[in-house]
C-alpha cells in the first residue's frame, strides 16, 4: 500500500513537471545563438517576457488564459505524464483542467532565471528550470522543481508554442 501511494505521488509530481518542458533539439548551423538570462539581447528578452506572461496565465488555474500562447493545430503534441501526451491544443486544454487545475486550487509556478533562447528564422526554442508551489484540494502542500523546453514558431508576427515538454527529477 505504501508503494502504491509512493507511485501515485511520483506520477502526480511527474505530471506537473511534464506539463510545464520540451525535449531540446540541436541545430547544426554555426549561426545559432545561445543566450543566458544575464546576456539577453532585446530579442531574447521577448522570450523571457513571453515565458513569464505564460506562467502568469498558468497561475490563474484557467487553461483559457493559456490559449493565446499555444498554436491550435490538432496535430501538435504536448508531452506530459497523465496522459503521456496530448494531441493538439483542445486535448491539452481539457487535460490540464481535469488532471491539474481541478485537483489543485492553489498553483504558483515560477520560471527561474536560467532561461536560454535559441533561434533560427521563424523558429525558436527555450529551455529553463522552474519551481512549483501548490496545494491539493485536501490541503496537502506540494513543492516541486522541474525543467521545461518549448518550441516556438512565429506565425503572423506572433510567437506561439508548437511543442512543449516538461520533466522533473525523480527520486528513487
C-alpha atoms as a PDB file:
ATOM      1  CA  UNK A   1       0.000   0.000   0.000  1.00  0.00           C
ATOM      2  CA  UNK A   2       2.873   2.381   0.813  1.00  0.00           C
ATOM      3  CA  UNK A   3       4.478   1.568  -2.518  1.00  0.00           C
ATOM      4  CA  UNK A   4       1.221   2.377  -4.338  1.00  0.00           C
ATOM      5  CA  UNK A   5       0.961   5.695  -2.507  1.00  0.00           C
ATOM      6  CA  UNK A   6       4.582   6.426  -3.433  1.00  0.00           C
ATOM      7  CA  UNK A   7       3.889   5.623  -7.087  1.00  0.00           C
ATOM      8  CA  UNK A   8       0.807   7.843  -7.066  1.00  0.00           C
ATOM      9  CA  UNK A   9       2.805  10.736  -5.607  1.00  0.00           C
ATOM     10  CA  UNK A  10       5.634  10.159  -8.071  1.00  0.00           C
ATOM     11  CA  UNK A  11       3.214  10.119 -11.007  1.00  0.00           C
ATOM     12  CA  UNK A  12       1.489  13.246  -9.771  1.00  0.00           C
ATOM     13  CA  UNK A  13       4.726  15.221  -9.363  1.00  0.00           C
ATOM     14  CA  UNK A  14       5.942  13.977 -12.728  1.00  0.00           C
ATOM     15  CA  UNK A  15       2.633  15.004 -14.328  1.00  0.00           C
ATOM     16  CA  UNK A  16       3.026  18.522 -13.018  1.00  0.00           C
ATOM     17  CA  UNK A  17       6.610  18.662 -14.136  1.00  0.00           C
ATOM     18  CA  UNK A  18       5.903  17.449 -17.623  1.00  0.00           C
ATOM     19  CA  UNK A  19       3.078  19.906 -18.104  1.00  0.00           C
ATOM     20  CA  UNK A  20       5.492  22.694 -17.859  1.00  0.00           C
ATOM     21  CA  UNK A  21       9.193  21.108 -20.729  1.00  0.00           C
ATOM     22  CA  UNK A  22      10.162  20.069 -24.300  1.00  0.00           C
ATOM     23  CA  UNK A  23      12.998  17.922 -25.497  1.00  0.00           C
ATOM     24  CA  UNK A  24      15.683  20.259 -26.617  1.00  0.00           C
ATOM     25  CA  UNK A  25      16.838  19.592 -30.111  1.00  0.00           C
ATOM     26  CA  UNK A  26      20.077  20.878 -31.593  1.00  0.00           C
ATOM     27  CA  UNK A  27      20.501  22.750 -34.813  1.00  0.00           C
ATOM     28  CA  UNK A  28      23.788  22.169 -36.564  1.00  0.00           C
ATOM     29  CA  UNK A  29      24.275  25.615 -38.091  1.00  0.00           C
ATOM     30  CA  UNK A  30      27.067  27.693 -36.610  1.00  0.00           C
ATOM     31  CA  UNK A  31      24.950  30.877 -36.651  1.00  0.00           C
ATOM     32  CA  UNK A  32      22.736  29.523 -33.841  1.00  0.00           C
ATOM     33  CA  UNK A  33      22.927  31.633 -30.717  1.00  0.00           C
ATOM     34  CA  UNK A  34      22.566  30.530 -27.109  1.00  0.00           C
ATOM     35  CA  UNK A  35      21.975  33.296 -24.619  1.00  0.00           C
ATOM     36  CA  UNK A  36      21.648  33.118 -20.848  1.00  0.00           C
ATOM     37  CA  UNK A  37      19.324  35.428 -18.942  1.00  0.00           C
ATOM     38  CA  UNK A  38      22.267  37.616 -17.918  1.00  0.00           C
ATOM     39  CA  UNK A  39      23.231  38.149 -21.597  1.00  0.00           C
ATOM     40  CA  UNK A  40      19.828  38.685 -23.133  1.00  0.00           C
ATOM     41  CA  UNK A  41      19.581  40.749 -26.264  1.00  0.00           C
ATOM     42  CA  UNK A  42      16.435  42.717 -26.941  1.00  0.00           C
ATOM     43  CA  UNK A  43      15.045  39.807 -28.989  1.00  0.00           C
ATOM     44  CA  UNK A  44      15.739  37.236 -26.305  1.00  0.00           C
ATOM     45  CA  UNK A  45      14.168  39.463 -23.686  1.00  0.00           C
ATOM     46  CA  UNK A  46      10.996  38.946 -25.727  1.00  0.00           C
ATOM     47  CA  UNK A  47      11.016  35.239 -24.827  1.00  0.00           C
ATOM     48  CA  UNK A  48      11.754  35.896 -21.178  1.00  0.00           C
ATOM     49  CA  UNK A  49       8.708  38.171 -21.156  1.00  0.00           C
ATOM     50  CA  UNK A  50       6.583  35.588 -23.012  1.00  0.00           C
ATOM     51  CA  UNK A  51       7.570  32.841 -20.574  1.00  0.00           C
ATOM     52  CA  UNK A  52       6.825  34.988 -17.538  1.00  0.00           C
ATOM     53  CA  UNK A  53       3.475  36.024 -19.049  1.00  0.00           C
ATOM     54  CA  UNK A  54       2.572  32.421 -19.840  1.00  0.00           C
ATOM     55  CA  UNK A  55       3.444  31.402 -16.286  1.00  0.00           C
ATOM     56  CA  UNK A  56       1.190  34.203 -15.049  1.00  0.00           C
ATOM     57  CA  UNK A  57      -1.554  32.571 -17.131  1.00  0.00           C
ATOM     58  CA  UNK A  58      -0.746  29.131 -15.664  1.00  0.00           C
ATOM     59  CA  UNK A  59      -1.104  30.644 -12.191  1.00  0.00           C
ATOM     60  CA  UNK A  60      -4.726  31.631 -12.890  1.00  0.00           C
ATOM     61  CA  UNK A  61      -5.731  27.918 -12.930  1.00  0.00           C
ATOM     62  CA  UNK A  62      -7.664  28.621 -16.116  1.00  0.00           C
ATOM     63  CA  UNK A  63      -6.442  26.990 -19.337  1.00  0.00           C
ATOM     64  CA  UNK A  64      -8.399  29.538 -21.391  1.00  0.00           C
ATOM     65  CA  UNK A  65      -5.875  32.137 -20.212  1.00  0.00           C
ATOM     66  CA  UNK A  66      -3.077  29.966 -21.622  1.00  0.00           C
ATOM     67  CA  UNK A  67      -4.625  29.601 -25.066  1.00  0.00           C
ATOM     68  CA  UNK A  68      -3.008  32.724 -26.538  1.00  0.00           C
ATOM     69  CA  UNK A  69       0.470  31.221 -26.033  1.00  0.00           C
ATOM     70  CA  UNK A  70      -0.186  27.947 -27.897  1.00  0.00           C
ATOM     71  CA  UNK A  71      -0.734  27.070 -31.551  1.00  0.00           C
ATOM     72  CA  UNK A  72      -4.106  25.394 -32.088  1.00  0.00           C
ATOM     73  CA  UNK A  73      -3.136  22.801 -34.735  1.00  0.00           C
ATOM     74  CA  UNK A  74      -4.731  19.437 -33.993  1.00  0.00           C
ATOM     75  CA  UNK A  75      -1.602  17.504 -34.978  1.00  0.00           C
ATOM     76  CA  UNK A  76       0.719  19.136 -32.409  1.00  0.00           C
ATOM     77  CA  UNK A  77       1.939  17.114 -29.432  1.00  0.00           C
ATOM     78  CA  UNK A  78       2.419  18.367 -25.899  1.00  0.00           C
ATOM     79  CA  UNK A  79       4.244  15.855 -23.706  1.00  0.00           C
ATOM     80  CA  UNK A  80       3.070  15.214 -20.189  1.00  0.00           C
ATOM     81  CA  UNK A  81       2.707  12.323 -17.738  1.00  0.00           C
ATOM     82  CA  UNK A  82      -1.041  11.807 -17.326  1.00  0.00           C
ATOM     83  CA  UNK A  83      -1.559  11.032 -20.073  1.00  0.00           C
ATOM     84  CA  UNK A  84       1.896  10.803 -21.552  1.00  0.00           C
ATOM     85  CA  UNK A  85       0.976  13.221 -24.311  1.00  0.00           C
ATOM     86  CA  UNK A  86      -1.790  15.438 -25.526  1.00  0.00           C
ATOM     87  CA  UNK A  87      -2.761  15.666 -29.190  1.00  0.00           C
ATOM     88  CA  UNK A  88      -3.410  19.287 -30.119  1.00  0.00           C
ATOM     89  CA  UNK A  89      -4.374  22.294 -28.037  1.00  0.00           C
ATOM     90  CA  UNK A  90      -8.008  21.258 -27.439  1.00  0.00           C
ATOM     91  CA  UNK A  91      -6.879  17.978 -25.874  1.00  0.00           C
ATOM     92  CA  UNK A  92      -4.176  19.743 -23.840  1.00  0.00           C
ATOM     93  CA  UNK A  93      -6.592  22.404 -22.602  1.00  0.00           C
ATOM     94  CA  UNK A  94      -9.150  19.835 -21.431  1.00  0.00           C
ATOM     95  CA  UNK A  95      -6.457  17.618 -19.923  1.00  0.00           C
ATOM     96  CA  UNK A  96      -4.745  20.266 -17.836  1.00  0.00           C
ATOM     97  CA  UNK A  97      -8.108  21.382 -16.493  1.00  0.00           C
ATOM     98  CA  UNK A  98      -9.049  17.841 -15.458  1.00  0.00           C
ATOM     99  CA  UNK A  99      -5.635  16.492 -14.398  1.00  0.00           C
ATOM    100  CA  UNK A 100      -4.149  19.614 -12.864  1.00  0.00           C
ATOM    101  CA  UNK A 101      -6.325  22.618 -12.119  1.00  0.00           C
ATOM    102  CA  UNK A 102      -9.345  20.661 -10.856  1.00  0.00           C
ATOM    103  CA  UNK A 103      -7.045  18.936  -8.350  1.00  0.00           C
ATOM    104  CA  UNK A 104      -5.101  21.988  -7.169  1.00  0.00           C
ATOM    105  CA  UNK A 105      -6.943  25.127  -6.074  1.00  0.00           C
ATOM    106  CA  UNK A 106      -3.611  26.832  -5.316  1.00  0.00           C
ATOM    107  CA  UNK A 107      -0.982  26.758  -8.027  1.00  0.00           C
ATOM    108  CA  UNK A 108       2.045  29.071  -8.191  1.00  0.00           C
ATOM    109  CA  UNK A 109       4.535  28.371 -10.953  1.00  0.00           C
ATOM    110  CA  UNK A 110       7.687  30.452 -11.322  1.00  0.00           C
ATOM    111  CA  UNK A 111      10.339  30.295 -14.040  1.00  0.00           C
ATOM    112  CA  UNK A 112      13.886  30.531 -12.721  1.00  0.00           C
ATOM    113  CA  UNK A 113      16.381  32.991 -14.179  1.00  0.00           C
ATOM    114  CA  UNK A 114      18.256  30.406 -16.265  1.00  0.00           C
ATOM    115  CA  UNK A 115      16.231  30.853 -19.462  1.00  0.00           C
ATOM    116  CA  UNK A 116      18.139  30.030 -22.634  1.00  0.00           C
ATOM    117  CA  UNK A 117      16.878  31.001 -26.066  1.00  0.00           C
ATOM    118  CA  UNK A 118      17.907  29.516 -29.400  1.00  0.00           C
ATOM    119  CA  UNK A 119      16.616  30.959 -32.685  1.00  0.00           C
ATOM    120  CA  UNK A 120      16.613  30.168 -36.342  1.00  0.00           C
ATOM    121  CA  UNK A 121      14.378  32.042 -38.742  1.00  0.00           C
ATOM    122  CA  UNK A 122      10.737  31.699 -37.602  1.00  0.00           C
ATOM    123  CA  UNK A 123      11.545  29.025 -35.043  1.00  0.00           C
ATOM    124  CA  UNK A 124      12.954  29.258 -31.558  1.00  0.00           C
ATOM    125  CA  UNK A 125      13.278  27.004 -28.596  1.00  0.00           C
ATOM    126  CA  UNK A 126      13.653  27.937 -24.982  1.00  0.00           C
ATOM    127  CA  UNK A 127      14.730  25.887 -22.022  1.00  0.00           C
ATOM    128  CA  UNK A 128      14.748  26.715 -18.348  1.00  0.00           C
ATOM    129  CA  UNK A 129      14.012  25.389 -14.891  1.00  0.00           C
ATOM    130  CA  UNK A 130      11.042  26.255 -12.706  1.00  0.00           C
ATOM    131  CA  UNK A 131       9.613  25.933  -9.218  1.00  0.00           C
ATOM    132  CA  UNK A 132       6.040  24.981  -8.326  1.00  0.00           C
ATOM    133  CA  UNK A 133       4.287  25.676  -5.030  1.00  0.00           C
ATOM    134  CA  UNK A 134       0.812  24.172  -4.982  1.00  0.00           C
ATOM    135  CA  UNK A 135      -1.874  22.863  -2.698  1.00  0.00           C
ATOM    136  CA  UNK A 136      -4.198  19.940  -3.323  1.00  0.00           C
ATOM    137  CA  UNK A 137      -7.909  20.120  -2.530  1.00  0.00           C
ATOM    138  CA  UNK A 138      -7.241  18.223   0.723  1.00  0.00           C
ATOM    139  CA  UNK A 139      -4.793  20.950   1.805  1.00  0.00           C
ATOM    140  CA  UNK A 140      -1.625  18.940   1.174  1.00  0.00           C
ATOM    141  CA  UNK A 141       1.215  21.213   0.052  1.00  0.00           C
ATOM    142  CA  UNK A 142       3.390  20.366  -2.944  1.00  0.00           C
ATOM    143  CA  UNK A 143       6.790  21.851  -3.732  1.00  0.00           C
ATOM    144  CA  UNK A 144       8.462  20.702  -6.935  1.00  0.00           C
ATOM    145  CA  UNK A 145      11.250  21.747  -9.271  1.00  0.00           C
ATOM    146  CA  UNK A 146      11.408  20.894 -12.928  1.00  0.00           C
ATOM    147  CA  UNK A 147      12.697  21.573 -16.422  1.00  0.00           C
ATOM    148  CA  UNK A 148      10.876  22.861 -19.463  1.00  0.00           C
ATOM    149  CA  UNK A 149      11.638  23.162 -23.134  1.00  0.00           C
ATOM    150  CA  UNK A 150       9.274  24.914 -25.506  1.00  0.00           C
ATOM    151  CA  UNK A 151       9.471  25.063 -29.280  1.00  0.00           C
ATOM    152  CA  UNK A 152       8.052  28.301 -30.657  1.00  0.00           C
ATOM    153  CA  UNK A 153       7.016  29.245 -34.175  1.00  0.00           C
ATOM    154  CA  UNK A 154       6.413  32.795 -35.342  1.00  0.00           C
ATOM    155  CA  UNK A 155       3.031  32.941 -37.054  1.00  0.00           C
ATOM    156  CA  UNK A 156       1.509  36.170 -38.311  1.00  0.00           C
ATOM    157  CA  UNK A 157       4.048  38.138 -36.282  1.00  0.00           C
ATOM    158  CA  UNK A 158       3.320  36.304 -33.013  1.00  0.00           C
ATOM    159  CA  UNK A 159       5.383  33.619 -31.255  1.00  0.00           C
ATOM    160  CA  UNK A 160       3.346  30.513 -30.372  1.00  0.00           C
ATOM    161  CA  UNK A 161       4.329  27.303 -28.597  1.00  0.00           C
ATOM    162  CA  UNK A 162       4.061  24.430 -31.067  1.00  0.00           C
ATOM    163  CA  UNK A 163       5.552  21.784 -28.777  1.00  0.00           C
ATOM    164  CA  UNK A 164       6.150  21.581 -25.042  1.00  0.00           C
ATOM    165  CA  UNK A 165       7.963  19.067 -22.882  1.00  0.00           C
ATOM    166  CA  UNK A 166       8.079  19.181 -19.105  1.00  0.00           C
ATOM    167  CA  UNK A 167      10.061  16.986 -16.751  1.00  0.00           C
ATOM    168  CA  UNK A 168      11.017  16.813 -13.133  1.00  0.00           C
ATOM    169  CA  UNK A 169      13.848  14.961 -11.427  1.00  0.00           C
ATOM    170  CA  UNK A 170      12.596  11.807  -9.748  1.00  0.00           C
ATOM    171  CA  UNK A 171      13.965  10.448  -6.505  1.00  0.00           C
ATOM    172  CA  UNK A 172      14.151   6.693  -6.473  1.00  0.00           C
END
